[in-house]
Amino acid sequence: MKFLHSMIRVKNLDASMKFYKELIGLKPSETLRLEDCTLYYLKDESTGVEIELTLNDETPQDGYEKGNAFGHFAFEVEDMDAISRKVAELGYEWLYEPFYMEEAGFTIAFITDPDGNEIEFICKK
């Protein structure tokens, strides 16, 4: 068995594409038009895992409600200082600024995507 992708619904496709392409570094891999929505796949080229951004034709004006079961997506970064600079350059703000998590032995930080989904960055150096 192979893990392929996770799907999230987005309200503003342009903002979400900018976030996942420019900050996270995912690459567009496929677009699929369905009857009531369009699916945009973005791939992590090092693992092959994708995030599917779903843009429904009828999107709630205030976006989608978050359930209480989903926590976050996690991405390993090589250099937390470099990602911090990129966050600032692109005009994003940290949810939780980088900090050393002694229990785990590495540095983590959290940000939210344009739809409020939490993204964790982990730097094991």
PDB file of N, CA and C in Angstrom:
ATOM      1  N   MET A   1       0.843  -1.173   0.000  1.00  0.00           N
ATOM      2  CA  MET A   1       0.000   0.000   0.000  1.00  0.00           C
ATOM      3  C   MET A   1       0.889   1.238   0.000  1.00  0.00           C
ATOM      4  N   LYS A   2       0.433   2.282  -0.677  1.00  0.00           N
ATOM      5  CA  LYS A   2       1.211   3.506  -0.816  1.00  0.00           C
ATOM      6  C   LYS A   2       0.305   4.697  -0.519  1.00  0.00           C
ATOM      7  N   PHE A   3       0.755   5.606   0.345  1.00  0.00           N
ATOM      8  CA  PHE A   3       0.009   6.822   0.644  1.00  0.00           C
ATOM      9  C   PHE A   3       0.136   7.778  -0.532  1.00  0.00           C
ATOM     10  N   LEU A   4      -0.985   8.264  -1.063  1.00  0.00           N
ATOM     11  CA  LEU A   4      -0.972   9.100  -2.259  1.00  0.00           C
ATOM     12  C   LEU A   4      -1.168  10.586  -1.992  1.00  0.00           C
ATOM     13  N   HIS A   5      -2.284  10.942  -1.318  1.00  0.00           N
ATOM     14  CA  HIS A   5      -2.547  12.355  -1.115  1.00  0.00           C
ATOM     15  C   HIS A   5      -3.521  12.599   0.026  1.00  0.00           C
ATOM     16  N   SER A   6      -3.576  13.874   0.440  1.00  0.00           N
ATOM     17  CA  SER A   6      -4.605  14.380   1.343  1.00  0.00           C
ATOM     18  C   SER A   6      -5.345  15.471   0.595  1.00  0.00           C
ATOM     19  N   MET A   7      -6.635  15.608   0.864  1.00  0.00           N
ATOM     20  CA  MET A   7      -7.444  16.607   0.174  1.00  0.00           C
ATOM     21  C   MET A   7      -7.918  17.655   1.165  1.00  0.00           C
ATOM     22  N   ILE A   8      -7.828  18.922   0.742  1.00  0.00           N
ATOM     23  CA  ILE A   8      -8.425  20.007   1.509  1.00  0.00           C
ATOM     24  C   ILE A   8      -9.222  20.877   0.549  1.00  0.00           C
ATOM     25  N   ARG A   9     -10.337  21.412   1.037  1.00  0.00           N
ATOM     26  CA  ARG A   9     -11.142  22.330   0.250  1.00  0.00           C
ATOM     27  C   ARG A   9     -10.592  23.738   0.454  1.00  0.00           C
ATOM     28  N   VAL A  10     -10.555  24.515  -0.619  1.00  0.00           N
ATOM     29  CA  VAL A  10     -10.016  25.861  -0.527  1.00  0.00           C
ATOM     30  C   VAL A  10     -11.054  26.873  -0.996  1.00  0.00           C
ATOM     31  N   LYS A  11     -10.966  28.070  -0.445  1.00  0.00           N
ATOM     32  CA  LYS A  11     -11.872  29.150  -0.815  1.00  0.00           C
ATOM     33  C   LYS A  11     -11.253  30.023  -1.896  1.00  0.00           C
ATOM     34  N   ASN A  12      -9.962  30.325  -1.766  1.00  0.00           N
ATOM     35  CA  ASN A  12      -9.267  31.197  -2.708  1.00  0.00           C
ATOM     36  C   ASN A  12      -8.126  30.406  -3.332  1.00  0.00           C
ATOM     37  N   LEU A  13      -8.342  29.921  -4.542  1.00  0.00           N
ATOM     38  CA  LEU A  13      -7.360  29.064  -5.199  1.00  0.00           C
ATOM     39  C   LEU A  13      -6.019  29.765  -5.380  1.00  0.00           C
ATOM     40  N   ASP A  14      -6.038  31.022  -5.818  1.00  0.00           N
ATOM     41  CA  ASP A  14      -4.780  31.731  -6.058  1.00  0.00           C
ATOM     42  C   ASP A  14      -3.946  31.839  -4.786  1.00  0.00           C
ATOM     43  N   ALA A  15      -4.578  32.201  -3.675  1.00  0.00           N
ATOM     44  CA  ALA A  15      -3.861  32.321  -2.402  1.00  0.00           C
ATOM     45  C   ALA A  15      -3.319  30.970  -1.951  1.00  0.00           C
ATOM     46  N   SER A  16      -4.108  29.936  -2.119  1.00  0.00           N
ATOM     47  CA  SER A  16      -3.672  28.590  -1.705  1.00  0.00           C
ATOM     48  C   SER A  16      -2.539  28.082  -2.584  1.00  0.00           C
ATOM     49  N   MET A  17      -2.644  28.304  -3.889  1.00  0.00           N
ATOM     50  CA  MET A  17      -1.573  27.877  -4.801  1.00  0.00           C
ATOM     51  C   MET A  17      -0.273  28.604  -4.471  1.00  0.00           C
ATOM     52  N   LYS A  18      -0.359  29.903  -4.221  1.00  0.00           N
ATOM     53  CA  LYS A  18       0.845  30.669  -3.856  1.00  0.00           C
ATOM     54  C   LYS A  18       1.473  30.087  -2.593  1.00  0.00           C
ATOM     55  N   PHE A  19       0.667  29.834  -1.575  1.00  0.00           N
ATOM     56  CA  PHE A  19       1.163  29.304  -0.309  1.00  0.00           C
ATOM     57  C   PHE A  19       1.876  27.971  -0.518  1.00  0.00           C
ATOM     58  N   TYR A  20       1.196  27.025  -1.145  1.00  0.00           N
ATOM     59  CA  TYR A  20       1.757  25.675  -1.261  1.00  0.00           C
ATOM     60  C   TYR A  20       2.892  25.584  -2.281  1.00  0.00           C
ATOM     61  N   LYS A  21       2.863  26.423  -3.306  1.00  0.00           N
ATOM     62  CA  LYS A  21       3.946  26.403  -4.298  1.00  0.00           C
ATOM     63  C   LYS A  21       5.148  27.214  -3.821  1.00  0.00           C
ATOM     64  N   GLU A  22       4.924  28.470  -3.420  1.00  0.00           N
ATOM     65  CA  GLU A  22       6.037  29.357  -3.115  1.00  0.00           C
ATOM     66  C   GLU A  22       6.632  29.135  -1.731  1.00  0.00           C
ATOM     67  N   LEU A  23       5.808  28.912  -0.724  1.00  0.00           N
ATOM     68  CA  LEU A  23       6.350  28.704   0.619  1.00  0.00           C
ATOM     69  C   LEU A  23       6.735  27.252   0.848  1.00  0.00           C
ATOM     70  N   ILE A  24       5.846  26.338   0.555  1.00  0.00           N
ATOM     71  CA  ILE A  24       6.080  24.928   0.835  1.00  0.00           C
ATOM     72  C   ILE A  24       6.955  24.278  -0.236  1.00  0.00           C
ATOM     73  N   GLY A  25       6.857  24.724  -1.469  1.00  0.00           N
ATOM     74  CA  GLY A  25       7.687  24.174  -2.537  1.00  0.00           C
ATOM     75  C   GLY A  25       7.083  23.005  -3.282  1.00  0.00           C
ATOM     76  N   LEU A  26       5.760  22.822  -3.160  1.00  0.00           N
ATOM     77  CA  LEU A  26       5.109  21.746  -3.903  1.00  0.00           C
ATOM     78  C   LEU A  26       4.956  22.159  -5.364  1.00  0.00           C
ATOM     79  N   LYS A  27       4.930  21.166  -6.239  1.00  0.00           N
ATOM     80  CA  LYS A  27       4.850  21.403  -7.683  1.00  0.00           C
ATOM     81  C   LYS A  27       3.510  20.904  -8.219  1.00  0.00           C
ATOM     82  N   PRO A  28       2.833  21.711  -9.065  1.00  0.00           N
ATOM     83  CA  PRO A  28       1.586  21.245  -9.672  1.00  0.00           C
ATOM     84  C   PRO A  28       1.835  19.963 -10.464  1.00  0.00           C
ATOM     85  N   SER A  29       0.939  18.990 -10.287  1.00  0.00           N
ATOM     86  CA  SER A  29       1.134  17.717 -10.974  1.00  0.00           C
ATOM     87  C   SER A  29      -0.041  17.329 -11.862  1.00  0.00           C
ATOM     88  N   GLU A  30      -1.249  17.765 -11.498  1.00  0.00           N
ATOM     89  CA  GLU A  30      -2.418  17.385 -12.297  1.00  0.00           C
ATOM     90  C   GLU A  30      -3.590  18.273 -11.918  1.00  0.00           C
ATOM     91  N   THR A  31      -4.473  18.523 -12.876  1.00  0.00           N
ATOM     92  CA  THR A  31      -5.736  19.217 -12.637  1.00  0.00           C
ATOM     93  C   THR A  31      -6.839  18.357 -13.217  1.00  0.00           C
ATOM     94  N   LEU A  32      -7.905  18.197 -12.465  1.00  0.00           N
ATOM     95  CA  LEU A  32      -8.999  17.335 -12.893  1.00  0.00           C
ATOM     96  C   LEU A  32     -10.321  18.050 -12.659  1.00  0.00           C
ATOM     97  N   ARG A  33     -11.071  18.272 -13.718  1.00  0.00           N
ATOM     98  CA  ARG A  33     -12.373  18.912 -13.611  1.00  0.00           C
ATOM     99  C   ARG A  33     -13.439  17.839 -13.412  1.00  0.00           C
ATOM    100  N   LEU A  34     -14.243  17.976 -12.367  1.00  0.00           N
ATOM    101  CA  LEU A  34     -15.380  17.096 -12.105  1.00  0.00           C
ATOM    102  C   LEU A  34     -16.666  17.885 -12.316  1.00  0.00           C
ATOM    103  N   GLU A  35     -17.785  17.248 -12.086  1.00  0.00           N
ATOM    104  CA  GLU A  35     -19.077  17.883 -12.332  1.00  0.00           C
ATOM    105  C   GLU A  35     -19.280  19.159 -11.523  1.00  0.00           C
ATOM    106  N   ASP A  36     -18.863  19.167 -10.260  1.00  0.00           N
ATOM    107  CA  ASP A  36     -19.151  20.308  -9.388  1.00  0.00           C
ATOM    108  C   ASP A  36     -17.922  20.942  -8.745  1.00  0.00           C
ATOM    109  N   CYS A  37     -16.733  20.573  -9.209  1.00  0.00           N
ATOM    110  CA  CYS A  37     -15.509  21.106  -8.608  1.00  0.00           C
ATOM    111  C   CYS A  37     -14.313  20.840  -9.518  1.00  0.00           C
ATOM    112  N   THR A  38     -13.206  21.490  -9.175  1.00  0.00           N
ATOM    113  CA  THR A  38     -11.948  21.221  -9.860  1.00  0.00           C
ATOM    114  C   THR A  38     -10.920  20.822  -8.815  1.00  0.00           C
ATOM    115  N   LEU A  39     -10.168  19.773  -9.118  1.00  0.00           N
ATOM    116  CA  LEU A  39      -9.138  19.256  -8.212  1.00  0.00           C
ATOM    117  C   LEU A  39      -7.770  19.677  -8.742  1.00  0.00           C
ATOM    118  N   TYR A  40      -6.978  20.256  -7.868  1.00  0.00           N
ATOM    119  CA  TYR A  40      -5.624  20.694  -8.220  1.00  0.00           C
ATOM    120  C   TYR A  40      -4.653  19.916  -7.348  1.00  0.00           C
ATOM    121  N   TYR A  41      -3.810  19.108  -7.966  1.00  0.00           N
ATOM    122  CA  TYR A  41      -2.855  18.286  -7.234  1.00  0.00           C
ATOM    123  C   TYR A  41      -1.491  18.969  -7.225  1.00  0.00           C
ATOM    124  N   LEU A  42      -0.888  19.020  -6.046  1.00  0.00           N
ATOM    125  CA  LEU A  42       0.454  19.565  -5.864  1.00  0.00           C
ATOM    126  C   LEU A  42       1.309  18.482  -5.228  1.00  0.00           C
ATOM    127  N   LYS A  43       2.474  18.239  -5.795  1.00  0.00           N
ATOM    128  CA  LYS A  43       3.299  17.097  -5.387  1.00  0.00           C
ATOM    129  C   LYS A  43       4.573  17.530  -4.689  1.00  0.00           C
ATOM    130  N   ASP A  44       4.921  16.782  -3.642  1.00  0.00           N
ATOM    131  CA  ASP A  44       6.237  16.874  -3.017  1.00  0.00           C
ATOM    132  C   ASP A  44       7.136  15.974  -3.851  1.00  0.00           C
ATOM    133  N   GLU A  45       8.048  16.579  -4.593  1.00  0.00           N
ATOM    134  CA  GLU A  45       8.859  15.794  -5.526  1.00  0.00           C
ATOM    135  C   GLU A  45       9.809  14.824  -4.835  1.00  0.00           C
ATOM    136  N   SER A  46      10.153  15.071  -3.571  1.00  0.00           N
ATOM    137  CA  SER A  46      11.072  14.145  -2.898  1.00  0.00           C
ATOM    138  C   SER A  46      10.380  12.879  -2.405  1.00  0.00           C
ATOM    139  N   THR A  47       9.070  12.956  -2.106  1.00  0.00           N
ATOM    140  CA  THR A  47       8.352  11.776  -1.613  1.00  0.00           C
ATOM    141  C   THR A  47       7.290  11.271  -2.578  1.00  0.00           C
ATOM    142  N   GLY A  48       6.826  12.148  -3.461  1.00  0.00           N
ATOM    143  CA  GLY A  48       5.742  11.784  -4.363  1.00  0.00           C
ATOM    144  C   GLY A  48       4.357  11.985  -3.772  1.00  0.00           C
ATOM    145  N   VAL A  49       4.272  12.330  -2.487  1.00  0.00           N
ATOM    146  CA  VAL A  49       2.980  12.548  -1.841  1.00  0.00           C
ATOM    147  C   VAL A  49       2.399  13.869  -2.336  1.00  0.00           C
ATOM    148  N   GLU A  50       1.076  13.892  -2.494  1.00  0.00           N
ATOM    149  CA  GLU A  50       0.405  15.082  -3.012  1.00  0.00           C
ATOM    150  C   GLU A  50      -0.607  15.645  -2.024  1.00  0.00           C
ATOM    151  N   ILE A  51      -0.863  16.943  -2.183  1.00  0.00           N
ATOM    152  CA  ILE A  51      -2.002  17.595  -1.544  1.00  0.00           C
ATOM    153  C   ILE A  51      -2.957  17.936  -2.676  1.00  0.00           C
ATOM    154  N   GLU A  52      -4.200  17.564  -2.490  1.00  0.00           N
ATOM    155  CA  GLU A  52      -5.245  17.886  -3.468  1.00  0.00           C
ATOM    156  C   GLU A  52      -6.003  19.098  -2.958  1.00  0.00           C
ATOM    157  N   LEU A  53      -5.935  20.196  -3.691  1.00  0.00           N
ATOM    158  CA  LEU A  53      -6.713  21.381  -3.369  1.00  0.00           C
ATOM    159  C   LEU A  53      -8.006  21.294  -4.169  1.00  0.00           C
ATOM    160  N   THR A  54      -9.139  21.230  -3.485  1.00  0.00           N
ATOM    161  CA  THR A  54     -10.429  21.126  -4.144  1.00  0.00           C
ATOM    162  C   THR A  54     -11.131  22.461  -4.109  1.00  0.00           C
ATOM    163  N   LEU A  55     -11.457  22.960  -5.287  1.00  0.00           N
ATOM    164  CA  LEU A  55     -12.210  24.205  -5.406  1.00  0.00           C
ATOM    165  C   LEU A  55     -13.602  23.848  -5.906  1.00  0.00           C
ATOM    166  N   ASN A  56     -14.560  23.887  -4.986  1.00  0.00           N
ATOM    167  CA  ASN A  56     -15.952  23.587  -5.349  1.00  0.00           C
ATOM    168  C   ASN A  56     -16.546  24.758  -6.105  1.00  0.00           C
ATOM    169  N   ASP A  57     -17.452  24.468  -7.036  1.00  0.00           N
ATOM    170  CA  ASP A  57     -18.125  25.529  -7.779  1.00  0.00           C
ATOM    171  C   ASP A  57     -18.929  26.422  -6.838  1.00  0.00           C
ATOM    172  N   GLU A  58     -19.530  25.828  -5.826  1.00  0.00           N
ATOM    173  CA  GLU A  58     -20.280  26.587  -4.827  1.00  0.00           C
ATOM    174  C   GLU A  58     -19.524  26.495  -3.512  1.00  0.00           C
ATOM    175  N   THR A  59     -18.785  27.547  -3.223  1.00  0.00           N
ATOM    176  CA  THR A  59     -17.970  27.608  -2.010  1.00  0.00           C
ATOM    177  C   THR A  59     -18.659  28.509  -0.988  1.00  0.00           C
ATOM    178  N   PRO A  60     -18.764  28.079   0.275  1.00  0.00           N
ATOM    179  CA  PRO A  60     -19.364  28.949   1.288  1.00  0.00           C
ATOM    180  C   PRO A  60     -18.606  30.288   1.352  1.00  0.00           C
ATOM    181  N   GLN A  61     -19.363  31.378   1.474  1.00  0.00           N
ATOM    182  CA  GLN A  61     -18.769  32.718   1.478  1.00  0.00           C
ATOM    183  C   GLN A  61     -17.679  32.847   2.538  1.00  0.00           C
ATOM    184  N   ASP A  62     -17.875  32.268   3.704  1.00  0.00           N
ATOM    185  CA  ASP A  62     -16.902  32.368   4.792  1.00  0.00           C
ATOM    186  C   ASP A  62     -15.896  31.222   4.790  1.00  0.00           C
ATOM    187  N   GLY A  63     -15.886  30.424   3.758  1.00  0.00           N
ATOM    188  CA  GLY A  63     -14.975  29.287   3.705  1.00  0.00           C
ATOM    189  C   GLY A  63     -15.597  28.074   4.384  1.00  0.00           C
ATOM    190  N   TYR A  64     -14.764  27.117   4.700  1.00  0.00           N
ATOM    191  CA  TYR A  64     -15.237  25.853   5.264  1.00  0.00           C
ATOM    192  C   TYR A  64     -14.973  25.800   6.756  1.00  0.00           C
ATOM    193  N   GLU A  65     -15.851  25.082   7.470  1.00  0.00           N
ATOM    194  CA  GLU A  65     -15.660  24.887   8.898  1.00  0.00           C
ATOM    195  C   GLU A  65     -14.610  23.816   9.117  1.00  0.00           C
ATOM    196  N   LYS A  66     -13.785  24.027  10.129  1.00  0.00           N
ATOM    197  CA  LYS A  66     -12.756  23.047  10.481  1.00  0.00           C
ATOM    198  C   LYS A  66     -13.349  22.049  11.469  1.00  0.00           C
ATOM    199  N   GLY A  67     -13.099  20.789  11.223  1.00  0.00           N
ATOM    200  CA  GLY A  67     -13.493  19.772  12.185  1.00  0.00           C
ATOM    201  C   GLY A  67     -12.495  19.757  13.332  1.00  0.00           C
ATOM    202  N   ASN A  68     -12.777  19.028  14.374  1.00  0.00           N
ATOM    203  CA  ASN A  68     -11.840  18.987  15.501  1.00  0.00           C
ATOM    204  C   ASN A  68     -10.968  17.739  15.475  1.00  0.00           C
ATOM    205  N   ALA A  69     -11.030  16.961  14.412  1.00  0.00           N
ATOM    206  CA  ALA A  69     -10.193  15.763  14.322  1.00  0.00           C
ATOM    207  C   ALA A  69      -8.881  16.035  13.592  1.00  0.00           C
ATOM    208  N   PHE A  70      -8.912  16.888  12.576  1.00  0.00           N
ATOM    209  CA  PHE A  70      -7.702  17.176  11.813  1.00  0.00           C
ATOM    210  C   PHE A  70      -6.797  18.079  12.629  1.00  0.00           C
ATOM    211  N   GLY A  71      -5.495  17.772  12.611  1.00  0.00           N
ATOM    212  CA  GLY A  71      -4.538  18.581  13.344  1.00  0.00           C
ATOM    213  C   GLY A  71      -3.710  19.467  12.447  1.00  0.00           C
ATOM    214  N   HIS A  72      -2.826  18.861  11.643  1.00  0.00           N
ATOM    215  CA  HIS A  72      -1.939  19.652  10.789  1.00  0.00           C
ATOM    216  C   HIS A  72      -1.236  18.762   9.775  1.00  0.00           C
ATOM    217  N   PHE A  73      -0.643  19.427   8.770  1.00  0.00           N
ATOM    218  CA  PHE A  73       0.296  18.787   7.867  1.00  0.00           C
ATOM    219  C   PHE A  73       1.681  19.114   8.405  1.00  0.00           C
ATOM    220  N   ALA A  74       2.618  18.201   8.286  1.00  0.00           N
ATOM    221  CA  ALA A  74       3.987  18.452   8.747  1.00  0.00           C
ATOM    222  C   ALA A  74       4.959  18.306   7.586  1.00  0.00           C
ATOM    223  N   PHE A  75       5.893  19.259   7.510  1.00  0.00           N
ATOM    224  CA  PHE A  75       6.925  19.253   6.485  1.00  0.00           C
ATOM    225  C   PHE A  75       8.280  19.396   7.147  1.00  0.00           C
ATOM    226  N   GLU A  76       9.224  18.560   6.743  1.00  0.00           N
ATOM    227  CA  GLU A  76      10.592  18.688   7.251  1.00  0.00           C
ATOM    228  C   GLU A  76      11.316  19.735   6.419  1.00  0.00           C
ATOM    229  N   VAL A  77      12.019  20.630   7.090  1.00  0.00           N
ATOM    230  CA  VAL A  77      12.815  21.657   6.421  1.00  0.00           C
ATOM    231  C   VAL A  77      14.276  21.472   6.804  1.00  0.00           C
ATOM    232  N   GLU A  78      15.157  21.842   5.898  1.00  0.00           N
ATOM    233  CA  GLU A  78      16.598  21.720   6.144  1.00  0.00           C
ATOM    234  C   GLU A  78      17.127  22.846   7.022  1.00  0.00           C
ATOM    235  N   ASP A  79      16.525  24.031   6.917  1.00  0.00           N
ATOM    236  CA  ASP A  79      17.062  25.226   7.564  1.00  0.00           C
ATOM    237  C   ASP A  79      15.900  26.091   8.050  1.00  0.00           C
ATOM    238  N   MET A  80      15.681  26.134   9.361  1.00  0.00           N
ATOM    239  CA  MET A  80      14.563  26.895   9.918  1.00  0.00           C
ATOM    240  C   MET A  80      14.755  28.394   9.701  1.00  0.00           C
ATOM    241  N   ASP A  81      16.001  28.875   9.723  1.00  0.00           N
ATOM    242  CA  ASP A  81      16.239  30.299   9.466  1.00  0.00           C
ATOM    243  C   ASP A  81      15.825  30.662   8.040  1.00  0.00           C
ATOM    244  N   ALA A  82      16.119  29.792   7.089  1.00  0.00           N
ATOM    245  CA  ALA A  82      15.757  30.048   5.693  1.00  0.00           C
ATOM    246  C   ALA A  82      14.241  30.071   5.519  1.00  0.00           C
ATOM    247  N   ILE A  83      13.533  29.151   6.161  1.00  0.00           N
ATOM    248  CA  ILE A  83      12.073  29.136   6.033  1.00  0.00           C
ATOM    249  C   ILE A  83      11.481  30.348   6.750  1.00  0.00           C
ATOM    250  N   SER A  84      12.098  30.778   7.836  1.00  0.00           N
ATOM    251  CA  SER A  84      11.627  31.989   8.537  1.00  0.00           C
ATOM    252  C   SER A  84      11.760  33.216   7.640  1.00  0.00           C
ATOM    253  N   ARG A  85      12.864  33.314   6.920  1.00  0.00           N
ATOM    254  CA  ARG A  85      13.043  34.428   5.991  1.00  0.00           C
ATOM    255  C   ARG A  85      11.991  34.379   4.877  1.00  0.00           C
ATOM    256  N   LYS A  86      11.724  33.172   4.383  1.00  0.00           N
ATOM    257  CA  LYS A  86      10.743  33.000   3.306  1.00  0.00           C
ATOM    258  C   LYS A  86       9.341  33.377   3.798  1.00  0.00           C
ATOM    259  N   VAL A  87       9.008  32.982   5.017  1.00  0.00           N
ATOM    260  CA  VAL A  87       7.711  33.338   5.609  1.00  0.00           C
ATOM    261  C   VAL A  87       7.564  34.857   5.620  1.00  0.00           C
ATOM    262  N   ALA A  88       8.602  35.557   6.084  1.00  0.00           N
ATOM    263  CA  ALA A  88       8.560  37.021   6.153  1.00  0.00           C
ATOM    264  C   ALA A  88       8.501  37.645   4.759  1.00  0.00           C
ATOM    265  N   GLU A  89       9.324  37.150   3.839  1.00  0.00           N
ATOM    266  CA  GLU A  89       9.361  37.694   2.475  1.00  0.00           C
ATOM    267  C   GLU A  89       8.017  37.580   1.777  1.00  0.00           C
ATOM    268  N   LEU A  90       7.304  36.492   2.013  1.00  0.00           N
ATOM    269  CA  LEU A  90       6.011  36.263   1.358  1.00  0.00           C
ATOM    270  C   LEU A  90       4.849  36.910   2.116  1.00  0.00           C
ATOM    271  N   GLY A  91       5.148  37.521   3.261  1.00  0.00           N
ATOM    272  CA  GLY A  91       4.124  38.248   4.004  1.00  0.00           C
ATOM    273  C   GLY A  91       3.239  37.403   4.898  1.00  0.00           C
ATOM    274  N   TYR A  92       3.689  36.204   5.240  1.00  0.00           N
ATOM    275  CA  TYR A  92       2.928  35.349   6.150  1.00  0.00           C
ATOM    276  C   TYR A  92       3.383  35.604   7.579  1.00  0.00           C
ATOM    277  N   GLU A  93       2.582  35.156   8.537  1.00  0.00           N
ATOM    278  CA  GLU A  93       2.932  35.283   9.953  1.00  0.00           C
ATOM    279  C   GLU A  93       2.871  33.920  10.621  1.00  0.00           C
ATOM    280  N   TRP A  94       3.775  33.718  11.563  1.00  0.00           N
ATOM    281  CA  TRP A  94       3.806  32.464  12.318  1.00  0.00           C
ATOM    282  C   TRP A  94       2.589  32.348  13.222  1.00  0.00           C
ATOM    283  N   LEU A  95       2.054  31.158  13.324  1.00  0.00           N
ATOM    284  CA  LEU A  95       1.079  30.843  14.361  1.00  0.00           C
ATOM    285  C   LEU A  95       1.852  30.613  15.660  1.00  0.00           C
ATOM    286  N   TYR A  96       2.931  29.806  15.566  1.00  0.00           N
ATOM    287  CA  TYR A  96       3.894  29.592  16.654  1.00  0.00           C
ATOM    288  C   TYR A  96       5.278  29.713  16.055  1.00  0.00           C
ATOM    289  N   GLU A  97       6.016  30.707  16.470  1.00  0.00           N
ATOM    290  CA  GLU A  97       7.358  30.923  15.943  1.00  0.00           C
ATOM    291  C   GLU A  97       8.255  29.727  16.241  1.00  0.00           C
ATOM    292  N   PRO A  98       9.336  29.573  15.489  1.00  0.00           N
ATOM    293  CA  PRO A  98      10.231  28.433  15.698  1.00  0.00           C
ATOM    294  C   PRO A  98      10.721  28.345  17.145  1.00  0.00           C
ATOM    295  N   PHE A  99      10.676  27.118  17.664  1.00  0.00           N
ATOM    296  CA  PHE A  99      11.200  26.877  19.014  1.00  0.00           C
ATOM    297  C   PHE A  99      11.749  25.460  19.083  1.00  0.00           C
ATOM    298  N   TYR A 100      12.718  25.293  19.958  1.00  0.00           N
ATOM    299  CA  TYR A 100      13.341  23.987  20.146  1.00  0.00           C
ATOM    300  C   TYR A 100      12.460  23.153  21.055  1.00  0.00           C
ATOM    301  N   MET A 101      12.044  21.991  20.579  1.00  0.00           N
ATOM    302  CA  MET A 101      11.206  21.076  21.354  1.00  0.00           C
ATOM    303  C   MET A 101      12.127  20.028  21.968  1.00  0.00           C
ATOM    304  N   GLU A 102      12.463  20.245  23.215  1.00  0.00           N
ATOM    305  CA  GLU A 102      13.456  19.404  23.880  1.00  0.00           C
ATOM    306  C   GLU A 102      13.059  17.932  23.905  1.00  0.00           C
ATOM    307  N   GLU A 103      11.776  17.660  24.121  1.00  0.00           N
ATOM    308  CA  GLU A 103      11.312  16.265  24.196  1.00  0.00           C
ATOM    309  C   GLU A 103      11.583  15.513  22.893  1.00  0.00           C
ATOM    310  N   ALA A 104      11.479  16.201  21.776  1.00  0.00           N
ATOM    311  CA  ALA A 104      11.682  15.570  20.473  1.00  0.00           C
ATOM    312  C   ALA A 104      13.113  15.721  19.969  1.00  0.00           C
ATOM    313  N   GLY A 105      13.803  16.748  20.455  1.00  0.00           N
ATOM    314  CA  GLY A 105      15.186  16.966  20.036  1.00  0.00           C
ATOM    315  C   GLY A 105      15.327  17.707  18.716  1.00  0.00           C
ATOM    316  N   PHE A 106      14.300  18.488  18.332  1.00  0.00           N
ATOM    317  CA  PHE A 106      14.410  19.283  17.116  1.00  0.00           C
ATOM    318  C   PHE A 106      13.574  20.551  17.235  1.00  0.00           C
ATOM    319  N   THR A 107      13.721  21.437  16.247  1.00  0.00           N
ATOM    320  CA  THR A 107      13.024  22.718  16.225  1.00  0.00           C
ATOM    321  C   THR A 107      11.758  22.592  15.386  1.00  0.00           C
ATOM    322  N   ILE A 108      10.667  23.188  15.884  1.00  0.00           N
ATOM    323  CA  ILE A 108       9.402  23.176  15.159  1.00  0.00           C
ATOM    324  C   ILE A 108       8.823  24.588  15.101  1.00  0.00           C
ATOM    325  N   ALA A 109       7.916  24.797  14.180  1.00  0.00           N
ATOM    326  CA  ALA A 109       7.173  26.047  14.062  1.00  0.00           C
ATOM    327  C   ALA A 109       5.864  25.743  13.357  1.00  0.00           C
ATOM    328  N   PHE A 110       4.873  26.607  13.559  1.00  0.00           N
ATOM    329  CA  PHE A 110       3.563  26.424  12.929  1.00  0.00           C
ATOM    330  C   PHE A 110       3.128  27.699  12.227  1.00  0.00           C
ATOM    331  N   ILE A 111       2.439  27.501  11.107  1.00  0.00           N
ATOM    332  CA  ILE A 111       1.851  28.577  10.321  1.00  0.00           C
ATOM    333  C   ILE A 111       0.498  28.056   9.857  1.00  0.00           C
ATOM    334  N   THR A 112      -0.372  28.943   9.410  1.00  0.00           N
ATOM    335  CA  THR A 112      -1.634  28.482   8.826  1.00  0.00           C
ATOM    336  C   THR A 112      -1.661  28.848   7.347  1.00  0.00           C
ATOM    337  N   ASP A 113      -2.300  27.994   6.566  1.00  0.00           N
ATOM    338  CA  ASP A 113      -2.465  28.288   5.141  1.00  0.00           C
ATOM    339  C   ASP A 113      -3.615  29.285   4.981  1.00  0.00           C
ATOM    340  N   PRO A 114      -3.909  29.748   3.773  1.00  0.00           N
ATOM    341  CA  PRO A 114      -4.969  30.750   3.598  1.00  0.00           C
ATOM    342  C   PRO A 114      -6.356  30.324   4.076  1.00  0.00           C
ATOM    343  N   ASP A 115      -6.578  29.029   4.238  1.00  0.00           N
ATOM    344  CA  ASP A 115      -7.878  28.550   4.720  1.00  0.00           C
ATOM    345  C   ASP A 115      -7.854  28.166   6.196  1.00  0.00           C
ATOM    346  N   GLY A 116      -6.752  28.463   6.887  1.00  0.00           N
ATOM    347  CA  GLY A 116      -6.678  28.204   8.317  1.00  0.00           C
ATOM    348  C   GLY A 116      -6.170  26.832   8.702  1.00  0.00           C
ATOM    349  N   ASN A 117      -5.752  26.015   7.735  1.00  0.00           N
ATOM    350  CA  ASN A 117      -5.182  24.704   8.064  1.00  0.00           C
ATOM    351  C   ASN A 117      -3.787  24.903   8.634  1.00  0.00           C
ATOM    352  N   GLU A 118      -3.494  24.197   9.719  1.00  0.00           N
ATOM    353  CA  GLU A 118      -2.185  24.336  10.353  1.00  0.00           C
ATOM    354  C   GLU A 118      -1.128  23.517   9.620  1.00  0.00           C
ATOM    355  N   ILE A 119       0.052  24.142   9.480  1.00  0.00           N
ATOM    356  CA  ILE A 119       1.196  23.530   8.839  1.00  0.00           C
ATOM    357  C   ILE A 119       2.338  23.567   9.850  1.00  0.00           C
ATOM    358  N   GLU A 120       2.944  22.426  10.099  1.00  0.00           N
ATOM    359  CA  GLU A 120       4.093  22.347  11.011  1.00  0.00           C
ATOM    360  C   GLU A 120       5.368  22.193  10.184  1.00  0.00           C
ATOM    361  N   PHE A 121       6.376  22.976  10.536  1.00  0.00           N
ATOM    362  CA  PHE A 121       7.699  22.815   9.967  1.00  0.00           C
ATOM    363  C   PHE A 121       8.574  22.186  11.038  1.00  0.00           C
ATOM    364  N   ILE A 122       9.336  21.163  10.649  1.00  0.00           N
ATOM    365  CA  ILE A 122      10.237  20.457  11.561  1.00  0.00           C
ATOM    366  C   ILE A 122      11.639  20.524  11.000  1.00  0.00           C
ATOM    367  N   CYS A 123      12.583  20.975  11.828  1.00  0.00           N
ATOM    368  CA  CYS A 123      13.982  21.014  11.434  1.00  0.00           C
ATOM    369  C   CYS A 123      14.764  20.148  12.408  1.00  0.00           C
ATOM    370  N   LYS A 124      15.304  19.042  11.923  1.00  0.00           N
ATOM    371  CA  LYS A 124      15.966  18.064  12.778  1.00  0.00           C
ATOM    372  C   LYS A 124      17.447  18.344  12.990  1.00  0.00           C
ATOM    373  N   LYS A 125      17.952  19.448  12.438  1.00  0.00           N
ATOM    374  CA  LYS A 125      19.368  19.796  12.620  1.00  0.00           C
ATOM    375  C   LYS A 125      19.582  20.527  13.920  1.00  0.00           C
TER     376      LYS A 125
END
